[in-house]
Amino acid sequence: MSSKKRRKYSAEFKSESVKLVLEQGVKQAQAARDLGIPESVLGRWVSRARQQQRPGAPTTSESEEIRRLRKEVKILRTERDILKKATAIFAKETL
């Protein structure tokens, strides 16, 4: 197996690359060739940018917070269910 090193791109490079496609109308494949990056990489950047441009679409930080809150809700529901069962057990014992 070959071990290719993963290239890192600056935020500025990413945003300028996306602008080429979205604002200047350069084809995605042509922009990727001109910039010397894989077309799939540029495609991911462009799709993220389009998603963030949609009105009402959550930003990355909002999506992370939603994910975190859903996890917390799941834990809290589990704890609540355990407490309900414990309450039912203790109620039976006192009768």
PDB file of N, CA and C in Angstrom:
ATOM      1  N   MET A   1       0.834  -1.184   0.000  1.00  0.00           N
ATOM      2  CA  MET A   1       0.000   0.000   0.000  1.00  0.00           C
ATOM      3  C   MET A   1       0.877   1.245   0.000  1.00  0.00           C
ATOM      4  N   SER A   2       0.495   2.210  -0.782  1.00  0.00           N
ATOM      5  CA  SER A   2       1.242   3.461  -0.787  1.00  0.00           C
ATOM      6  C   SER A   2       0.659   4.395   0.255  1.00  0.00           C
ATOM      7  N   SER A   3       1.527   5.122   0.881  1.00  0.00           N
ATOM      8  CA  SER A   3       1.059   6.049   1.903  1.00  0.00           C
ATOM      9  C   SER A   3       1.204   7.473   1.379  1.00  0.00           C
ATOM     10  N   LYS A   4       0.108   7.972   0.799  1.00  0.00           N
ATOM     11  CA  LYS A   4       0.106   9.335   0.289  1.00  0.00           C
ATOM     12  C   LYS A   4      -0.163  10.283   1.443  1.00  0.00           C
ATOM     13  N   LYS A   5       0.557  11.387   1.437  1.00  0.00           N
ATOM     14  CA  LYS A   5       0.304  12.400   2.456  1.00  0.00           C
ATOM     15  C   LYS A   5      -0.874  13.255   2.013  1.00  0.00           C
ATOM     16  N   ARG A   6      -1.721  13.550   2.948  1.00  0.00           N
ATOM     17  CA  ARG A   6      -2.904  14.343   2.673  1.00  0.00           C
ATOM     18  C   ARG A   6      -2.520  15.814   2.598  1.00  0.00           C
ATOM     19  N   ARG A   7      -2.908  16.468   1.521  1.00  0.00           N
ATOM     20  CA  ARG A   7      -2.602  17.888   1.369  1.00  0.00           C
ATOM     21  C   ARG A   7      -3.600  18.728   2.141  1.00  0.00           C
ATOM     22  N   LYS A   8      -3.104  19.786   2.723  1.00  0.00           N
ATOM     23  CA  LYS A   8      -3.973  20.712   3.451  1.00  0.00           C
ATOM     24  C   LYS A   8      -4.023  22.016   2.667  1.00  0.00           C
ATOM     25  N   TYR A   9      -5.204  22.588   2.617  1.00  0.00           N
ATOM     26  CA  TYR A   9      -5.417  23.825   1.884  1.00  0.00           C
ATOM     27  C   TYR A   9      -5.895  24.903   2.852  1.00  0.00           C
ATOM     28  N   SER A  10      -5.451  26.113   2.636  1.00  0.00           N
ATOM     29  CA  SER A  10      -5.860  27.209   3.514  1.00  0.00           C
ATOM     30  C   SER A  10      -7.318  27.574   3.253  1.00  0.00           C
ATOM     31  N   ALA A  11      -7.928  28.204   4.221  1.00  0.00           N
ATOM     32  CA  ALA A  11      -9.322  28.631   4.089  1.00  0.00           C
ATOM     33  C   ALA A  11      -9.462  29.632   2.947  1.00  0.00           C
ATOM     34  N   GLU A  12      -8.461  30.478   2.787  1.00  0.00           N
ATOM     35  CA  GLU A  12      -8.496  31.471   1.716  1.00  0.00           C
ATOM     36  C   GLU A  12      -8.457  30.797   0.346  1.00  0.00           C
ATOM     37  N   PHE A  13      -7.594  29.783   0.201  1.00  0.00           N
ATOM     38  CA  PHE A  13      -7.494  29.051  -1.058  1.00  0.00           C
ATOM     39  C   PHE A  13      -8.824  28.378  -1.378  1.00  0.00           C
ATOM     40  N   LYS A  14      -9.443  27.780  -0.364  1.00  0.00           N
ATOM     41  CA  LYS A  14     -10.725  27.107  -0.563  1.00  0.00           C
ATOM     42  C   LYS A  14     -11.797  28.090  -1.019  1.00  0.00           C
ATOM     43  N   SER A  15     -11.878  29.232  -0.327  1.00  0.00           N
ATOM     44  CA  SER A  15     -12.929  30.196  -0.666  1.00  0.00           C
ATOM     45  C   SER A  15     -12.717  30.786  -2.057  1.00  0.00           C
ATOM     46  N   GLU A  16     -11.468  31.042  -2.426  1.00  0.00           N
ATOM     47  CA  GLU A  16     -11.187  31.579  -3.755  1.00  0.00           C
ATOM     48  C   GLU A  16     -11.498  30.537  -4.831  1.00  0.00           C
ATOM     49  N   SER A  17     -11.224  29.285  -4.544  1.00  0.00           N
ATOM     50  CA  SER A  17     -11.522  28.206  -5.493  1.00  0.00           C
ATOM     51  C   SER A  17     -13.026  28.080  -5.710  1.00  0.00           C
ATOM     52  N   VAL A  18     -13.789  28.186  -4.625  1.00  0.00           N
ATOM     53  CA  VAL A  18     -15.244  28.096  -4.708  1.00  0.00           C
ATOM     54  C   VAL A  18     -15.794  29.286  -5.481  1.00  0.00           C
ATOM     55  N   LYS A  19     -15.231  30.464  -5.263  1.00  0.00           N
ATOM     56  CA  LYS A  19     -15.689  31.661  -5.979  1.00  0.00           C
ATOM     57  C   LYS A  19     -15.497  31.512  -7.481  1.00  0.00           C
ATOM     58  N   LEU A  20     -14.408  30.860  -7.896  1.00  0.00           N
ATOM     59  CA  LEU A  20     -14.194  30.626  -9.323  1.00  0.00           C
ATOM     60  C   LEU A  20     -15.384  29.905  -9.934  1.00  0.00           C
ATOM     61  N   VAL A  21     -15.875  28.909  -9.226  1.00  0.00           N
ATOM     62  CA  VAL A  21     -16.971  28.090  -9.750  1.00  0.00           C
ATOM     63  C   VAL A  21     -18.312  28.797  -9.599  1.00  0.00           C
ATOM     64  N   LEU A  22     -18.597  29.307  -8.419  1.00  0.00           N
ATOM     65  CA  LEU A  22     -19.923  29.855  -8.152  1.00  0.00           C
ATOM     66  C   LEU A  22     -20.137  31.261  -8.701  1.00  0.00           C
ATOM     67  N   GLU A  23     -19.147  32.107  -8.600  1.00  0.00           N
ATOM     68  CA  GLU A  23     -19.342  33.502  -8.985  1.00  0.00           C
ATOM     69  C   GLU A  23     -18.831  33.806 -10.390  1.00  0.00           C
ATOM     70  N   GLN A  24     -17.740  33.172 -10.788  1.00  0.00           N
ATOM     71  CA  GLN A  24     -17.161  33.489 -12.091  1.00  0.00           C
ATOM     72  C   GLN A  24     -17.601  32.529 -13.181  1.00  0.00           C
ATOM     73  N   GLY A  25     -18.302  31.470 -12.808  1.00  0.00           N
ATOM     74  CA  GLY A  25     -18.865  30.569 -13.799  1.00  0.00           C
ATOM     75  C   GLY A  25     -17.888  29.601 -14.439  1.00  0.00           C
ATOM     76  N   VAL A  26     -16.722  29.431 -13.856  1.00  0.00           N
ATOM     77  CA  VAL A  26     -15.757  28.473 -14.395  1.00  0.00           C
ATOM     78  C   VAL A  26     -16.265  27.073 -14.077  1.00  0.00           C
ATOM     79  N   LYS A  27     -16.160  26.181 -15.061  1.00  0.00           N
ATOM     80  CA  LYS A  27     -16.597  24.798 -14.841  1.00  0.00           C
ATOM     81  C   LYS A  27     -15.759  24.176 -13.731  1.00  0.00           C
ATOM     82  N   GLN A  28     -16.408  23.342 -12.926  1.00  0.00           N
ATOM     83  CA  GLN A  28     -15.741  22.731 -11.777  1.00  0.00           C
ATOM     84  C   GLN A  28     -14.525  21.914 -12.206  1.00  0.00           C
ATOM     85  N   ALA A  29     -14.654  21.130 -13.252  1.00  0.00           N
ATOM     86  CA  ALA A  29     -13.546  20.298 -13.724  1.00  0.00           C
ATOM     87  C   ALA A  29     -12.380  21.158 -14.192  1.00  0.00           C
ATOM     88  N   GLN A  30     -12.695  22.233 -14.923  1.00  0.00           N
ATOM     89  CA  GLN A  30     -11.644  23.118 -15.428  1.00  0.00           C
ATOM     90  C   GLN A  30     -10.937  23.838 -14.278  1.00  0.00           C
ATOM     91  N   ALA A  31     -11.701  24.306 -13.307  1.00  0.00           N
ATOM     92  CA  ALA A  31     -11.109  24.996 -12.158  1.00  0.00           C
ATOM     93  C   ALA A  31     -10.186  24.058 -11.388  1.00  0.00           C
ATOM     94  N   ALA A  32     -10.611  22.821 -11.201  1.00  0.00           N
ATOM     95  CA  ALA A  32      -9.792  21.845 -10.475  1.00  0.00           C
ATOM     96  C   ALA A  32      -8.482  21.598 -11.217  1.00  0.00           C
ATOM     97  N   ARG A  33      -8.551  21.436 -12.547  1.00  0.00           N
ATOM     98  CA  ARG A  33      -7.325  21.237 -13.336  1.00  0.00           C
ATOM     99  C   ARG A  33      -6.404  22.448 -13.228  1.00  0.00           C
ATOM    100  N   ASP A  34      -6.974  23.642 -13.369  1.00  0.00           N
ATOM    101  CA  ASP A  34      -6.175  24.869 -13.318  1.00  0.00           C
ATOM    102  C   ASP A  34      -5.493  25.048 -11.961  1.00  0.00           C
ATOM    103  N   LEU A  35      -6.181  24.655 -10.900  1.00  0.00           N
ATOM    104  CA  LEU A  35      -5.643  24.834  -9.551  1.00  0.00           C
ATOM    105  C   LEU A  35      -4.768  23.662  -9.102  1.00  0.00           C
ATOM    106  N   GLY A  36      -4.815  22.566  -9.854  1.00  0.00           N
ATOM    107  CA  GLY A  36      -3.998  21.407  -9.514  1.00  0.00           C
ATOM    108  C   GLY A  36      -4.514  20.630  -8.308  1.00  0.00           C
ATOM    109  N   ILE A  37      -5.845  20.587  -8.187  1.00  0.00           N
ATOM    110  CA  ILE A  37      -6.449  19.834  -7.083  1.00  0.00           C
ATOM    111  C   ILE A  37      -7.426  18.822  -7.664  1.00  0.00           C
ATOM    112  N   PRO A  38      -7.713  17.756  -6.931  1.00  0.00           N
ATOM    113  CA  PRO A  38      -8.691  16.779  -7.422  1.00  0.00           C
ATOM    114  C   PRO A  38     -10.080  17.401  -7.550  1.00  0.00           C
ATOM    115  N   GLU A  39     -10.797  17.000  -8.583  1.00  0.00           N
ATOM    116  CA  GLU A  39     -12.137  17.552  -8.816  1.00  0.00           C
ATOM    117  C   GLU A  39     -13.084  17.205  -7.671  1.00  0.00           C
ATOM    118  N   SER A  40     -12.900  16.025  -7.069  1.00  0.00           N
ATOM    119  CA  SER A  40     -13.777  15.624  -5.965  1.00  0.00           C
ATOM    120  C   SER A  40     -13.609  16.538  -4.757  1.00  0.00           C
ATOM    121  N   VAL A  41     -12.393  16.996  -4.526  1.00  0.00           N
ATOM    122  CA  VAL A  41     -12.124  17.900  -3.406  1.00  0.00           C
ATOM    123  C   VAL A  41     -12.833  19.236  -3.643  1.00  0.00           C
ATOM    124  N   LEU A  42     -12.665  19.777  -4.832  1.00  0.00           N
ATOM    125  CA  LEU A  42     -13.318  21.038  -5.162  1.00  0.00           C
ATOM    126  C   LEU A  42     -14.838  20.866  -5.113  1.00  0.00           C
ATOM    127  N   GLY A  43     -15.322  19.718  -5.547  1.00  0.00           N
ATOM    128  CA  GLY A  43     -16.761  19.458  -5.510  1.00  0.00           C
ATOM    129  C   GLY A  43     -17.326  19.503  -4.106  1.00  0.00           C
ATOM    130  N   ARG A  44     -16.569  18.940  -3.150  1.00  0.00           N
ATOM    131  CA  ARG A  44     -17.015  18.994  -1.746  1.00  0.00           C
ATOM    132  C   ARG A  44     -17.069  20.432  -1.257  1.00  0.00           C
ATOM    133  N   TRP A  45     -16.055  21.198  -1.585  1.00  0.00           N
ATOM    134  CA  TRP A  45     -16.030  22.604  -1.149  1.00  0.00           C
ATOM    135  C   TRP A  45     -17.209  23.368  -1.731  1.00  0.00           C
ATOM    136  N   VAL A  46     -17.485  23.150  -3.004  1.00  0.00           N
ATOM    137  CA  VAL A  46     -18.573  23.862  -3.681  1.00  0.00           C
ATOM    138  C   VAL A  46     -19.917  23.453  -3.079  1.00  0.00           C
ATOM    139  N   SER A  47     -20.121  22.164  -2.845  1.00  0.00           N
ATOM    140  CA  SER A  47     -21.411  21.729  -2.289  1.00  0.00           C
ATOM    141  C   SER A  47     -21.618  22.270  -0.876  1.00  0.00           C
ATOM    142  N   ARG A  48     -20.549  22.331  -0.073  1.00  0.00           N
ATOM    143  CA  ARG A  48     -20.675  22.931   1.271  1.00  0.00           C
ATOM    144  C   ARG A  48     -21.048  24.401   1.175  1.00  0.00           C
ATOM    145  N   ALA A  49     -20.409  25.100   0.234  1.00  0.00           N
ATOM    146  CA  ALA A  49     -20.696  26.522   0.065  1.00  0.00           C
ATOM    147  C   ALA A  49     -22.134  26.735  -0.380  1.00  0.00           C
ATOM    148  N   ARG A  50     -22.611  25.897  -1.296  1.00  0.00           N
ATOM    149  CA  ARG A  50     -24.001  26.018  -1.757  1.00  0.00           C
ATOM    150  C   ARG A  50     -24.967  25.739  -0.617  1.00  0.00           C
ATOM    151  N   GLN A  51     -24.655  24.756   0.196  1.00  0.00           N
ATOM    152  CA  GLN A  51     -25.524  24.414   1.320  1.00  0.00           C
ATOM    153  C   GLN A  51     -25.601  25.576   2.307  1.00  0.00           C
ATOM    154  N   GLN A  52     -24.490  26.228   2.542  1.00  0.00           N
ATOM    155  CA  GLN A  52     -24.474  27.335   3.496  1.00  0.00           C
ATOM    156  C   GLN A  52     -25.145  28.577   2.926  1.00  0.00           C
ATOM    157  N   GLN A  53     -25.251  28.671   1.602  1.00  0.00           N
ATOM    158  CA  GLN A  53     -25.881  29.837   0.981  1.00  0.00           C
ATOM    159  C   GLN A  53     -27.402  29.756   1.013  1.00  0.00           C
ATOM    160  N   ARG A  54     -27.945  28.543   1.199  1.00  0.00           N
ATOM    161  CA  ARG A  54     -29.392  28.391   1.218  1.00  0.00           C
ATOM    162  C   ARG A  54     -29.976  29.129   2.407  1.00  0.00           C
ATOM    163  N   PRO A  55     -31.046  29.887   2.174  1.00  0.00           N
ATOM    164  CA  PRO A  55     -31.668  30.578   3.308  1.00  0.00           C
ATOM    165  C   PRO A  55     -32.260  29.575   4.289  1.00  0.00           C
ATOM    166  N   GLY A  56     -31.971  29.795   5.546  1.00  0.00           N
ATOM    167  CA  GLY A  56     -32.493  28.927   6.585  1.00  0.00           C
ATOM    168  C   GLY A  56     -31.667  27.680   6.833  1.00  0.00           C
ATOM    169  N   ALA A  57     -30.649  27.453   6.020  1.00  0.00           N
ATOM    170  CA  ALA A  57     -29.799  26.274   6.216  1.00  0.00           C
ATOM    171  C   ALA A  57     -28.883  26.516   7.416  1.00  0.00           C
ATOM    172  N   PRO A  58     -28.747  25.519   8.294  1.00  0.00           N
ATOM    173  CA  PRO A  58     -27.884  25.719   9.467  1.00  0.00           C
ATOM    174  C   PRO A  58     -26.405  25.799   9.074  1.00  0.00           C
ATOM    175  N   THR A  59     -25.679  26.635   9.773  1.00  0.00           N
ATOM    176  CA  THR A  59     -24.245  26.735   9.536  1.00  0.00           C
ATOM    177  C   THR A  59     -23.557  25.526  10.149  1.00  0.00           C
ATOM    178  N   THR A  60     -22.279  25.398   9.909  1.00  0.00           N
ATOM    179  CA  THR A  60     -21.527  24.263  10.440  1.00  0.00           C
ATOM    180  C   THR A  60     -21.588  24.233  11.957  1.00  0.00           C
ATOM    181  N   SER A  61     -21.405  25.381  12.600  1.00  0.00           N
ATOM    182  CA  SER A  61     -21.440  25.413  14.065  1.00  0.00           C
ATOM    183  C   SER A  61     -22.843  25.078  14.590  1.00  0.00           C
ATOM    184  N   GLU A  62     -23.862  25.523  13.871  1.00  0.00           N
ATOM    185  CA  GLU A  62     -25.228  25.192  14.286  1.00  0.00           C
ATOM    186  C   GLU A  62     -25.488  23.701  14.135  1.00  0.00           C
ATOM    187  N   SER A  63     -24.975  23.108  13.062  1.00  0.00           N
ATOM    188  CA  SER A  63     -25.150  21.672  12.847  1.00  0.00           C
ATOM    189  C   SER A  63     -24.466  20.877  13.949  1.00  0.00           C
ATOM    190  N   GLU A  64     -23.283  21.320  14.348  1.00  0.00           N
ATOM    191  CA  GLU A  64     -22.570  20.649  15.436  1.00  0.00           C
ATOM    192  C   GLU A  64     -23.350  20.755  16.742  1.00  0.00           C
ATOM    193  N   GLU A  65     -23.920  21.936  16.988  1.00  0.00           N
ATOM    194  CA  GLU A  65     -24.698  22.121  18.217  1.00  0.00           C
ATOM    195  C   GLU A  65     -25.958  21.260  18.191  1.00  0.00           C
ATOM    196  N   ILE A  66     -26.611  21.169  17.056  1.00  0.00           N
ATOM    197  CA  ILE A  66     -27.796  20.326  16.930  1.00  0.00           C
ATOM    198  C   ILE A  66     -27.437  18.875  17.213  1.00  0.00           C
ATOM    199  N   ARG A  67     -26.321  18.407  16.667  1.00  0.00           N
ATOM    200  CA  ARG A  67     -25.868  17.032  16.891  1.00  0.00           C
ATOM    201  C   ARG A  67     -25.606  16.786  18.378  1.00  0.00           C
ATOM    202  N   ARG A  68     -24.936  17.747  19.027  1.00  0.00           N
ATOM    203  CA  ARG A  68     -24.618  17.632  20.449  1.00  0.00           C
ATOM    204  C   ARG A  68     -25.900  17.614  21.290  1.00  0.00           C
ATOM    205  N   LEU A  69     -26.843  18.478  20.957  1.00  0.00           N
ATOM    206  CA  LEU A  69     -28.087  18.553  21.713  1.00  0.00           C
ATOM    207  C   LEU A  69     -28.933  17.295  21.539  1.00  0.00           C
ATOM    208  N   ARG A  70     -28.940  16.726  20.351  1.00  0.00           N
ATOM    209  CA  ARG A  70     -29.687  15.482  20.134  1.00  0.00           C
ATOM    210  C   ARG A  70     -29.112  14.350  20.967  1.00  0.00           C
ATOM    211  N   LYS A  71     -27.791  14.311  21.056  1.00  0.00           N
ATOM    212  CA  LYS A  71     -27.131  13.286  21.875  1.00  0.00           C
ATOM    213  C   LYS A  71     -27.517  13.470  23.346  1.00  0.00           C
ATOM    214  N   GLU A  72     -27.503  14.725  23.795  1.00  0.00           N
ATOM    215  CA  GLU A  72     -27.857  15.023  25.180  1.00  0.00           C
ATOM    216  C   GLU A  72     -29.312  14.649  25.471  1.00  0.00           C
ATOM    217  N   VAL A  73     -30.217  14.927  24.541  1.00  0.00           N
ATOM    218  CA  VAL A  73     -31.628  14.576  24.709  1.00  0.00           C
ATOM    219  C   VAL A  73     -31.784  13.068  24.836  1.00  0.00           C
ATOM    220  N   LYS A  74     -31.046  12.313  24.037  1.00  0.00           N
ATOM    221  CA  LYS A  74     -31.122  10.850  24.103  1.00  0.00           C
ATOM    222  C   LYS A  74     -30.700  10.350  25.482  1.00  0.00           C
ATOM    223  N   ILE A  75     -29.621  10.916  26.019  1.00  0.00           N
ATOM    224  CA  ILE A  75     -29.146  10.530  27.356  1.00  0.00           C
ATOM    225  C   ILE A  75     -30.179  10.887  28.415  1.00  0.00           C
ATOM    226  N   LEU A  76     -30.731  12.089  28.322  1.00  0.00           N
ATOM    227  CA  LEU A  76     -31.717  12.527  29.309  1.00  0.00           C
ATOM    228  C   LEU A  76     -32.988  11.676  29.270  1.00  0.00           C
ATOM    229  N   ARG A  77     -33.408  11.275  28.089  1.00  0.00           N
ATOM    230  CA  ARG A  77     -34.594  10.408  27.995  1.00  0.00           C
ATOM    231  C   ARG A  77     -34.327   9.047  28.631  1.00  0.00           C
ATOM    232  N   THR A  78     -33.136   8.531  28.400  1.00  0.00           N
ATOM    233  CA  THR A  78     -32.770   7.244  29.012  1.00  0.00           C
ATOM    234  C   THR A  78     -32.787   7.359  30.530  1.00  0.00           C
ATOM    235  N   GLU A  79     -32.198   8.429  31.060  1.00  0.00           N
ATOM    236  CA  GLU A  79     -32.187   8.637  32.510  1.00  0.00           C
ATOM    237  C   GLU A  79     -33.609   8.777  33.053  1.00  0.00           C
ATOM    238  N   ARG A  80     -34.450   9.497  32.341  1.00  0.00           N
ATOM    239  CA  ARG A  80     -35.840   9.673  32.767  1.00  0.00           C
ATOM    240  C   ARG A  80     -36.560   8.332  32.824  1.00  0.00           C
ATOM    241  N   ASP A  81     -36.367   7.510  31.795  1.00  0.00           N
ATOM    242  CA  ASP A  81     -37.022   6.202  31.760  1.00  0.00           C
ATOM    243  C   ASP A  81     -36.570   5.324  32.920  1.00  0.00           C
ATOM    244  N   ILE A  82     -35.289   5.382  33.257  1.00  0.00           N
ATOM    245  CA  ILE A  82     -34.770   4.607  34.392  1.00  0.00           C
ATOM    246  C   ILE A  82     -35.420   5.073  35.689  1.00  0.00           C
ATOM    247  N   LEU A  83     -35.535   6.389  35.853  1.00  0.00           N
ATOM    248  CA  LEU A  83     -36.161   6.928  37.062  1.00  0.00           C
ATOM    249  C   LEU A  83     -37.642   6.548  37.157  1.00  0.00           C
ATOM    250  N   LYS A  84     -38.343   6.517  36.031  1.00  0.00           N
ATOM    251  CA  LYS A  84     -39.748   6.102  36.034  1.00  0.00           C
ATOM    252  C   LYS A  84     -39.881   4.665  36.515  1.00  0.00           C
ATOM    253  N   LYS A  85     -39.010   3.792  36.007  1.00  0.00           N
ATOM    254  CA  LYS A  85     -39.051   2.384  36.405  1.00  0.00           C
ATOM    255  C   LYS A  85     -38.717   2.224  37.887  1.00  0.00           C
ATOM    256  N   ALA A  86     -37.731   2.979  38.361  1.00  0.00           N
ATOM    257  CA  ALA A  86     -37.355   2.904  39.776  1.00  0.00           C
ATOM    258  C   ALA A  86     -38.500   3.386  40.651  1.00  0.00           C
ATOM    259  N   THR A  87     -39.170   4.438  40.249  1.00  0.00           N
ATOM    260  CA  THR A  87     -40.307   4.958  41.003  1.00  0.00           C
ATOM    261  C   THR A  87     -41.414   3.915  41.078  1.00  0.00           C
ATOM    262  N   ALA A  88     -41.669   3.235  39.966  1.00  0.00           N
ATOM    263  CA  ALA A  88     -42.705   2.199  39.959  1.00  0.00           C
ATOM    264  C   ALA A  88     -42.328   1.056  40.897  1.00  0.00           C
ATOM    265  N   ILE A  89     -41.084   0.672  40.924  1.00  0.00           N
ATOM    266  CA  ILE A  89     -40.626  -0.416  41.814  1.00  0.00           C
ATOM    267  C   ILE A  89     -40.787  -0.011  43.264  1.00  0.00           C
ATOM    268  N   PHE A  90     -40.367   1.199  43.629  1.00  0.00           N
ATOM    269  CA  PHE A  90     -40.480   1.658  45.013  1.00  0.00           C
ATOM    270  C   PHE A  90     -41.933   1.847  45.421  1.00  0.00           C
ATOM    271  N   ALA A  91     -42.798   2.228  44.497  1.00  0.00           N
ATOM    272  CA  ALA A  91     -44.206   2.397  44.812  1.00  0.00           C
ATOM    273  C   ALA A  91     -44.851   1.052  45.139  1.00  0.00           C
ATOM    274  N   LYS A  92     -44.448   0.004  44.429  1.00  0.00           N
ATOM    275  CA  LYS A  92     -44.988  -1.335  44.699  1.00  0.00           C
ATOM    276  C   LYS A  92     -44.539  -1.841  46.066  1.00  0.00           C
ATOM    277  N   GLU A  93     -43.309  -1.522  46.467  1.00  0.00           N
ATOM    278  CA  GLU A  93     -42.772  -1.985  47.734  1.00  0.00           C
ATOM    279  C   GLU A  93     -43.460  -1.338  48.929  1.00  0.00           C
ATOM    280  N   THR A  94     -43.914  -0.126  48.797  1.00  0.00           N
ATOM    281  CA  THR A  94     -44.563   0.571  49.912  1.00  0.00           C
ATOM    282  C   THR A  94     -45.996   0.128  50.126  1.00  0.00           C
ATOM    283  N   LEU A  95     -46.599  -0.557  49.180  1.00  0.00           N
ATOM    284  CA  LEU A  95     -47.997  -1.001  49.318  1.00  0.00           C
ATOM    285  C   LEU A  95     -48.117  -2.227  50.133  1.00  0.00           C
TER     286      LEU A  95
END
